[in-house]
């Protein structure tokens, strides 16, 4: 029996996915628990419409991510840090500082949890960080650590 999943089901499939299961599993568990609906022609048509809408949203999101990536790669972000006389910084630069610098200098709000620093930052100079926008959209940006 073919059913359309309404929610993610472990070991079966994700939301809005058409799967084939045994009749009893569909009738006794998936449909009564509101995890799935029967794959009737009208439900299949609704599924296709949902997939079209989802594809348009993903395309718009990808365009926005590409725009943000271009702006971030245009020039390095400057992150200020307190330094000693030898050029070593006190502490290290964190993803929170990079997120604040991006917000202040480029105007984009990026969650600090999405930013990961490639190398450990202990001195003044230029370093790289990667930003995970979700899915397979990961970009590397440069940031420059300058003394305050």
N, C-alpha and C. Protein backbone atom coordinates (compact mmCIF):
# COMPACT_ATOMS: atom_id res chain seq x y z
N UNK A 1 0.85 -1.18 0.00
CA UNK A 1 0.00 0.00 0.00
C UNK A 1 0.90 1.24 0.00
N UNK A 2 0.56 2.21 -0.81
CA UNK A 2 1.31 3.45 -0.85
C UNK A 2 0.65 4.49 0.03
N UNK A 3 1.47 5.18 0.83
CA UNK A 3 0.99 6.25 1.68
C UNK A 3 1.90 7.46 1.54
N UNK A 4 1.36 8.61 1.87
CA UNK A 4 2.13 9.86 1.88
C UNK A 4 2.35 10.22 3.35
N UNK A 5 3.61 10.34 3.73
CA UNK A 5 3.93 10.65 5.12
C UNK A 5 3.65 12.12 5.41
N UNK A 6 2.98 12.36 6.53
CA UNK A 6 2.67 13.71 6.97
C UNK A 6 3.79 14.22 7.88
N UNK A 7 4.40 13.30 8.63
CA UNK A 7 5.50 13.62 9.54
C UNK A 7 6.67 12.70 9.24
N UNK A 8 7.85 13.05 9.77
CA UNK A 8 9.00 12.16 9.66
C UNK A 8 8.74 10.92 10.51
N UNK A 9 9.03 9.76 9.94
CA UNK A 9 8.87 8.49 10.65
C UNK A 9 10.22 7.80 10.61
N UNK A 10 10.74 7.42 11.79
CA UNK A 10 12.03 6.75 11.86
C UNK A 10 12.02 5.46 11.04
N UNK A 11 13.11 5.21 10.37
CA UNK A 11 13.33 4.01 9.56
C UNK A 11 12.33 3.85 8.42
N UNK A 12 11.62 4.91 8.06
CA UNK A 12 10.65 4.81 6.98
C UNK A 12 10.84 5.93 5.96
N UNK A 13 10.81 7.17 6.42
CA UNK A 13 10.98 8.27 5.48
C UNK A 13 10.69 9.61 6.12
N UNK A 14 10.81 10.65 5.31
CA UNK A 14 10.61 12.02 5.77
C UNK A 14 9.24 12.56 5.38
N UNK A 15 8.99 13.75 5.85
CA UNK A 15 7.72 14.42 5.59
C UNK A 15 7.52 14.63 4.09
N UNK A 16 6.27 14.52 3.63
CA UNK A 16 5.88 14.70 2.23
C UNK A 16 6.59 13.72 1.30
N UNK A 17 6.77 12.51 1.77
CA UNK A 17 7.42 11.48 0.97
C UNK A 17 6.42 10.36 0.69
N UNK A 18 6.46 9.83 -0.52
CA UNK A 18 5.59 8.73 -0.91
C UNK A 18 6.34 7.42 -0.65
N UNK A 19 5.77 6.56 0.20
CA UNK A 19 6.42 5.30 0.54
C UNK A 19 5.44 4.14 0.39
N UNK A 20 5.99 2.96 0.21
CA UNK A 20 5.18 1.74 0.11
C UNK A 20 5.39 0.94 1.39
N UNK A 21 4.29 0.61 2.07
CA UNK A 21 4.33 -0.17 3.31
C UNK A 21 3.29 -1.27 3.23
N UNK A 22 3.34 -2.17 4.19
CA UNK A 22 2.34 -3.23 4.23
C UNK A 22 0.99 -2.65 4.64
N UNK A 23 -0.09 -3.28 4.19
CA UNK A 23 -1.44 -2.77 4.43
C UNK A 23 -1.74 -2.60 5.91
N UNK A 24 -1.41 -3.61 6.71
CA UNK A 24 -1.72 -3.55 8.14
C UNK A 24 -0.97 -2.44 8.85
N UNK A 25 0.28 -2.22 8.50
CA UNK A 25 1.08 -1.16 9.12
C UNK A 25 0.47 0.20 8.81
N UNK A 26 0.00 0.38 7.58
CA UNK A 26 -0.61 1.64 7.19
C UNK A 26 -1.95 1.84 7.89
N UNK A 27 -2.81 0.81 7.83
CA UNK A 27 -4.17 0.94 8.37
C UNK A 27 -4.21 0.97 9.90
N UNK A 28 -3.32 0.22 10.55
CA UNK A 28 -3.38 0.09 12.00
C UNK A 28 -2.48 1.06 12.76
N UNK A 29 -1.48 1.59 12.09
CA UNK A 29 -0.55 2.46 12.82
C UNK A 29 -0.38 3.84 12.19
N UNK A 30 0.08 3.89 10.94
CA UNK A 30 0.43 5.17 10.34
C UNK A 30 -0.76 6.11 10.17
N UNK A 31 -1.86 5.61 9.62
CA UNK A 31 -3.02 6.48 9.36
C UNK A 31 -3.73 6.88 10.66
N UNK A 32 -4.00 5.95 11.61
CA UNK A 32 -4.66 6.37 12.86
C UNK A 32 -3.82 7.33 13.71
N UNK A 33 -2.49 7.17 13.68
CA UNK A 33 -1.62 8.05 14.46
C UNK A 33 -1.35 9.38 13.74
N UNK A 34 -1.94 9.57 12.59
CA UNK A 34 -1.79 10.77 11.77
C UNK A 34 -0.33 11.00 11.33
N UNK A 35 0.37 9.89 11.05
CA UNK A 35 1.71 9.96 10.48
C UNK A 35 1.65 9.95 8.96
N UNK A 36 0.54 9.46 8.40
CA UNK A 36 0.45 9.33 6.95
C UNK A 36 -1.01 9.40 6.51
N UNK A 37 -1.19 9.64 5.20
CA UNK A 37 -2.50 9.56 4.57
C UNK A 37 -2.38 8.63 3.37
N UNK A 38 -3.51 8.06 2.96
CA UNK A 38 -3.50 7.14 1.83
C UNK A 38 -3.15 7.90 0.56
N UNK A 39 -2.44 7.26 -0.34
CA UNK A 39 -1.98 7.89 -1.58
C UNK A 39 -3.09 7.85 -2.64
N UNK A 40 -4.15 8.58 -2.41
CA UNK A 40 -5.24 8.68 -3.39
C UNK A 40 -4.85 9.71 -4.45
N UNK A 41 -5.54 9.73 -5.59
CA UNK A 41 -5.18 10.70 -6.63
C UNK A 41 -5.22 12.16 -6.15
N UNK A 42 -6.20 12.52 -5.34
CA UNK A 42 -6.27 13.90 -4.87
C UNK A 42 -5.12 14.21 -3.90
N UNK A 43 -4.77 13.24 -3.04
CA UNK A 43 -3.65 13.45 -2.12
C UNK A 43 -2.32 13.53 -2.88
N UNK A 44 -2.19 12.75 -3.95
CA UNK A 44 -0.98 12.81 -4.77
C UNK A 44 -0.85 14.17 -5.45
N UNK A 45 -1.99 14.72 -5.89
CA UNK A 45 -1.98 16.04 -6.52
C UNK A 45 -1.55 17.12 -5.51
N UNK A 46 -2.07 17.01 -4.27
CA UNK A 46 -1.67 17.95 -3.22
C UNK A 46 -0.18 17.83 -2.92
N UNK A 47 0.33 16.60 -2.92
CA UNK A 47 1.75 16.37 -2.67
C UNK A 47 2.60 17.04 -3.74
N UNK A 48 2.18 16.91 -5.00
CA UNK A 48 2.93 17.54 -6.08
C UNK A 48 2.95 19.07 -5.93
N UNK A 49 1.81 19.64 -5.54
CA UNK A 49 1.74 21.09 -5.34
C UNK A 49 2.66 21.52 -4.19
N UNK A 50 2.66 20.75 -3.11
CA UNK A 50 3.54 21.07 -1.98
C UNK A 50 5.00 21.01 -2.40
N UNK A 51 5.35 20.02 -3.21
CA UNK A 51 6.73 19.89 -3.67
C UNK A 51 7.13 21.05 -4.57
N UNK A 52 6.20 21.53 -5.41
CA UNK A 52 6.49 22.68 -6.26
C UNK A 52 6.74 23.93 -5.42
N UNK A 53 5.89 24.14 -4.42
CA UNK A 53 6.04 25.30 -3.54
C UNK A 53 7.37 25.22 -2.78
N UNK A 54 7.69 24.02 -2.30
CA UNK A 54 8.94 23.82 -1.56
C UNK A 54 10.14 24.09 -2.46
N UNK A 55 10.08 23.67 -3.72
CA UNK A 55 11.18 23.90 -4.66
C UNK A 55 11.37 25.40 -4.90
N UNK A 56 10.27 26.15 -5.02
CA UNK A 56 10.38 27.60 -5.21
C UNK A 56 10.99 28.27 -3.99
N UNK A 57 10.59 27.83 -2.78
CA UNK A 57 11.15 28.39 -1.56
C UNK A 57 12.65 28.12 -1.47
N UNK A 58 13.05 26.89 -1.82
CA UNK A 58 14.46 26.53 -1.77
C UNK A 58 15.27 27.34 -2.77
N UNK A 59 14.71 27.59 -3.94
CA UNK A 59 15.41 28.39 -4.95
C UNK A 59 15.60 29.83 -4.46
N UNK A 60 14.56 30.39 -3.85
CA UNK A 60 14.66 31.75 -3.32
C UNK A 60 15.67 31.80 -2.18
N UNK A 61 15.67 30.78 -1.32
CA UNK A 61 16.61 30.73 -0.20
C UNK A 61 18.04 30.62 -0.71
N UNK A 62 18.26 29.81 -1.74
CA UNK A 62 19.59 29.63 -2.30
C UNK A 62 20.09 30.94 -2.92
N UNK A 63 19.22 31.67 -3.57
CA UNK A 63 19.59 32.97 -4.15
C UNK A 63 20.01 33.94 -3.04
N UNK A 64 19.26 33.93 -1.94
CA UNK A 64 19.59 34.81 -0.81
C UNK A 64 20.94 34.42 -0.20
N UNK A 65 21.18 33.11 -0.06
CA UNK A 65 22.44 32.63 0.51
C UNK A 65 23.61 33.03 -0.40
N UNK A 66 23.44 32.91 -1.69
CA UNK A 66 24.49 33.29 -2.64
C UNK A 66 24.80 34.78 -2.55
N UNK A 67 23.77 35.59 -2.38
CA UNK A 67 23.95 37.03 -2.25
C UNK A 67 24.75 37.36 -0.99
N UNK A 68 24.38 36.73 0.12
CA UNK A 68 25.08 36.96 1.39
C UNK A 68 26.53 36.49 1.28
N UNK A 69 26.75 35.35 0.63
CA UNK A 69 28.10 34.81 0.47
C UNK A 69 28.99 35.76 -0.32
N UNK A 70 28.45 36.33 -1.38
CA UNK A 70 29.23 37.28 -2.19
C UNK A 70 29.64 38.49 -1.37
N UNK A 71 28.72 39.01 -0.56
CA UNK A 71 29.03 40.18 0.25
C UNK A 71 30.10 39.84 1.30
N UNK A 72 29.99 38.65 1.90
CA UNK A 72 30.94 38.26 2.93
C UNK A 72 32.33 38.00 2.36
N UNK A 73 32.40 37.48 1.13
CA UNK A 73 33.70 37.19 0.53
C UNK A 73 34.35 38.40 -0.12
N UNK A 74 33.62 39.50 -0.28
CA UNK A 74 34.14 40.67 -0.96
C UNK A 74 35.36 41.25 -0.24
N UNK A 75 35.30 41.36 1.05
CA UNK A 75 36.43 41.88 1.82
C UNK A 75 36.43 41.21 3.19
N UNK A 76 37.62 41.08 3.80
CA UNK A 76 37.67 40.41 5.10
C UNK A 76 36.98 41.24 6.18
N UNK A 77 36.41 40.55 7.14
CA UNK A 77 35.77 41.19 8.28
C UNK A 77 36.86 41.49 9.29
N UNK A 78 36.85 42.69 9.87
CA UNK A 78 37.86 43.05 10.86
C UNK A 78 37.31 42.80 12.26
N UNK A 79 38.06 42.01 13.04
CA UNK A 79 37.68 41.67 14.41
C UNK A 79 38.72 42.27 15.33
N UNK A 80 38.30 43.07 16.27
CA UNK A 80 39.23 43.70 17.21
C UNK A 80 39.51 42.80 18.40
N UNK A 81 40.78 42.83 18.85
CA UNK A 81 41.16 42.03 20.01
C UNK A 81 42.24 42.78 20.78
N UNK A 82 42.24 42.62 22.09
CA UNK A 82 43.26 43.25 22.92
C UNK A 82 44.55 42.46 22.78
N UNK A 83 45.65 43.20 22.59
CA UNK A 83 46.93 42.54 22.35
C UNK A 83 47.98 42.99 23.35
N UNK A 84 49.00 42.16 23.48
CA UNK A 84 50.17 42.52 24.28
C UNK A 84 51.16 43.22 23.38
N UNK A 85 52.36 43.48 23.91
CA UNK A 85 53.37 44.20 23.13
C UNK A 85 53.96 43.34 22.02
N UNK A 86 53.91 42.02 22.13
CA UNK A 86 54.52 41.14 21.13
C UNK A 86 53.57 40.79 19.99
N UNK A 87 52.34 41.28 19.99
CA UNK A 87 51.39 40.99 18.92
C UNK A 87 50.47 39.81 19.23
N UNK A 88 50.69 39.15 20.35
CA UNK A 88 49.80 38.05 20.74
C UNK A 88 48.56 38.64 21.40
N UNK A 89 47.43 38.01 21.13
CA UNK A 89 46.19 38.54 21.71
C UNK A 89 45.90 37.85 23.03
N UNK A 90 45.20 38.57 23.89
CA UNK A 90 44.77 38.00 25.17
C UNK A 90 43.53 37.15 24.90
N UNK A 91 43.56 35.90 25.29
CA UNK A 91 42.44 35.00 25.02
C UNK A 91 42.49 34.57 23.58
N UNK A 92 41.33 34.43 22.95
CA UNK A 92 41.27 34.11 21.52
C UNK A 92 40.00 34.69 20.94
N UNK A 93 39.92 34.68 19.63
CA UNK A 93 38.74 35.19 18.94
C UNK A 93 37.70 34.07 18.88
N UNK A 94 36.45 34.40 19.20
CA UNK A 94 35.38 33.40 19.21
C UNK A 94 34.40 33.66 18.07
N UNK A 95 33.55 32.70 17.86
CA UNK A 95 32.54 32.83 16.80
C UNK A 95 31.56 33.96 17.13
N UNK A 96 31.34 34.24 18.41
CA UNK A 96 30.46 35.34 18.80
C UNK A 96 31.03 36.67 18.34
N UNK A 97 32.34 36.85 18.49
CA UNK A 97 32.96 38.10 18.04
C UNK A 97 32.87 38.24 16.52
N UNK A 98 33.03 37.13 15.80
CA UNK A 98 32.93 37.18 14.35
C UNK A 98 31.50 37.50 13.93
N UNK A 99 30.52 36.90 14.59
CA UNK A 99 29.12 37.18 14.28
C UNK A 99 28.78 38.65 14.51
N UNK A 100 29.28 39.21 15.60
CA UNK A 100 29.04 40.64 15.87
C UNK A 100 29.71 41.52 14.83
N UNK A 101 30.94 41.16 14.42
CA UNK A 101 31.65 41.94 13.41
C UNK A 101 30.92 41.90 12.07
N UNK A 102 30.41 40.74 11.70
CA UNK A 102 29.64 40.62 10.45
C UNK A 102 28.39 41.48 10.53
N UNK A 103 27.71 41.45 11.68
CA UNK A 103 26.50 42.26 11.84
C UNK A 103 26.82 43.74 11.73
N UNK A 104 27.90 44.18 12.38
CA UNK A 104 28.23 45.61 12.39
C UNK A 104 28.78 46.10 11.06
N UNK A 105 29.63 45.28 10.41
CA UNK A 105 30.31 45.74 9.20
C UNK A 105 29.56 45.42 7.91
N UNK A 106 28.90 44.27 7.85
CA UNK A 106 28.24 43.85 6.62
C UNK A 106 26.73 43.98 6.67
N UNK A 107 26.15 44.05 7.87
CA UNK A 107 24.71 44.22 8.00
C UNK A 107 23.90 42.94 7.97
N UNK A 108 24.54 41.78 8.11
CA UNK A 108 23.83 40.51 8.10
C UNK A 108 23.91 39.85 9.46
N UNK A 109 22.78 39.37 9.92
CA UNK A 109 22.70 38.69 11.21
C UNK A 109 22.90 37.19 10.97
N UNK A 110 24.03 36.66 11.46
CA UNK A 110 24.33 35.23 11.32
C UNK A 110 24.49 34.65 12.71
N UNK A 111 23.81 33.54 12.95
CA UNK A 111 23.88 32.88 14.25
C UNK A 111 25.30 32.40 14.51
N UNK A 112 25.81 32.65 15.70
CA UNK A 112 27.19 32.28 16.03
C UNK A 112 27.41 30.78 16.01
N UNK A 113 26.34 30.01 16.18
CA UNK A 113 26.46 28.55 16.17
C UNK A 113 26.74 28.02 14.77
N UNK A 114 26.47 28.81 13.76
CA UNK A 114 26.72 28.40 12.38
C UNK A 114 28.15 28.72 11.94
N UNK A 115 28.88 29.46 12.77
CA UNK A 115 30.24 29.86 12.42
C UNK A 115 31.23 28.96 13.14
N UNK A 116 32.17 28.42 12.39
CA UNK A 116 33.25 27.65 13.02
C UNK A 116 34.59 28.18 12.50
N UNK A 117 35.52 28.39 13.42
CA UNK A 117 36.82 28.94 13.08
C UNK A 117 37.73 27.78 12.68
N UNK A 118 38.40 27.92 11.53
CA UNK A 118 39.22 26.84 10.99
C UNK A 118 40.48 26.65 11.82
N UNK A 119 41.23 27.72 12.06
CA UNK A 119 42.47 27.64 12.83
C UNK A 119 42.31 28.35 14.16
N UNK A 120 43.13 27.95 15.13
CA UNK A 120 43.11 28.62 16.43
C UNK A 120 43.72 30.00 16.28
N UNK A 121 43.06 31.00 16.82
CA UNK A 121 43.49 32.39 16.65
C UNK A 121 44.14 32.86 17.94
N UNK A 122 45.46 33.09 17.88
CA UNK A 122 46.20 33.56 19.05
C UNK A 122 47.03 34.81 18.76
N UNK A 123 47.18 35.17 17.47
CA UNK A 123 47.98 36.32 17.09
C UNK A 123 47.21 37.19 16.10
N UNK A 124 47.71 38.41 15.89
CA UNK A 124 47.13 39.28 14.88
C UNK A 124 47.38 38.69 13.50
N UNK A 125 46.45 38.92 12.58
CA UNK A 125 46.63 38.42 11.22
C UNK A 125 45.31 38.07 10.57
N UNK A 126 45.39 37.39 9.43
CA UNK A 126 44.21 37.00 8.67
C UNK A 126 43.96 35.51 8.85
N UNK A 127 42.72 35.14 9.13
CA UNK A 127 42.34 33.75 9.37
C UNK A 127 41.09 33.43 8.58
N UNK A 128 40.71 32.14 8.59
CA UNK A 128 39.51 31.70 7.87
C UNK A 128 38.50 31.11 8.86
N UNK A 129 37.24 31.30 8.52
CA UNK A 129 36.14 30.71 9.28
C UNK A 129 35.15 30.16 8.26
N UNK A 130 34.43 29.12 8.64
CA UNK A 130 33.41 28.58 7.74
C UNK A 130 32.04 28.83 8.35
N UNK A 131 31.10 29.13 7.47
CA UNK A 131 29.72 29.40 7.88
C UNK A 131 28.83 28.36 7.22
N UNK A 132 28.05 27.65 8.04
CA UNK A 132 27.14 26.62 7.54
C UNK A 132 25.74 27.21 7.47
N UNK A 133 25.24 27.42 6.26
CA UNK A 133 23.91 27.98 6.07
C UNK A 133 22.82 26.91 6.09
N UNK A 134 23.18 25.66 6.28
CA UNK A 134 22.21 24.57 6.28
C UNK A 134 22.24 23.83 4.96
N UNK A 135 21.83 22.58 5.01
CA UNK A 135 21.89 21.76 3.80
C UNK A 135 23.34 21.51 3.44
N UNK A 136 23.69 21.73 2.21
CA UNK A 136 25.08 21.58 1.79
C UNK A 136 25.68 22.94 1.45
N UNK A 137 25.16 24.00 2.04
CA UNK A 137 25.61 25.35 1.77
C UNK A 137 26.59 25.80 2.85
N UNK A 138 27.88 25.55 2.61
CA UNK A 138 28.93 25.96 3.53
C UNK A 138 29.87 26.86 2.75
N UNK A 139 30.25 27.98 3.35
CA UNK A 139 31.16 28.90 2.70
C UNK A 139 32.27 29.29 3.67
N UNK A 140 33.44 29.57 3.12
CA UNK A 140 34.56 30.03 3.94
C UNK A 140 34.74 31.53 3.72
N UNK A 141 34.94 32.23 4.83
CA UNK A 141 35.19 33.66 4.75
C UNK A 141 36.52 33.95 5.44
N UNK A 142 37.08 35.09 5.12
CA UNK A 142 38.30 35.53 5.78
C UNK A 142 37.94 36.60 6.80
N UNK A 143 38.66 36.58 7.93
CA UNK A 143 38.51 37.65 8.89
C UNK A 143 39.91 38.05 9.36
N UNK A 144 40.04 39.33 9.64
CA UNK A 144 41.33 39.87 10.03
C UNK A 144 41.26 40.30 11.49
N UNK A 145 42.21 39.83 12.27
CA UNK A 145 42.28 40.19 13.68
C UNK A 145 43.20 41.40 13.79
N UNK A 146 42.65 42.50 14.31
CA UNK A 146 43.42 43.74 14.47
C UNK A 146 43.45 44.11 15.93
N UNK A 147 44.50 44.79 16.33
CA UNK A 147 44.65 45.18 17.73
C UNK A 147 43.76 46.36 18.07
N UNK A 148 43.31 46.37 19.30
CA UNK A 148 42.46 47.48 19.76
C UNK A 148 43.28 48.46 20.57
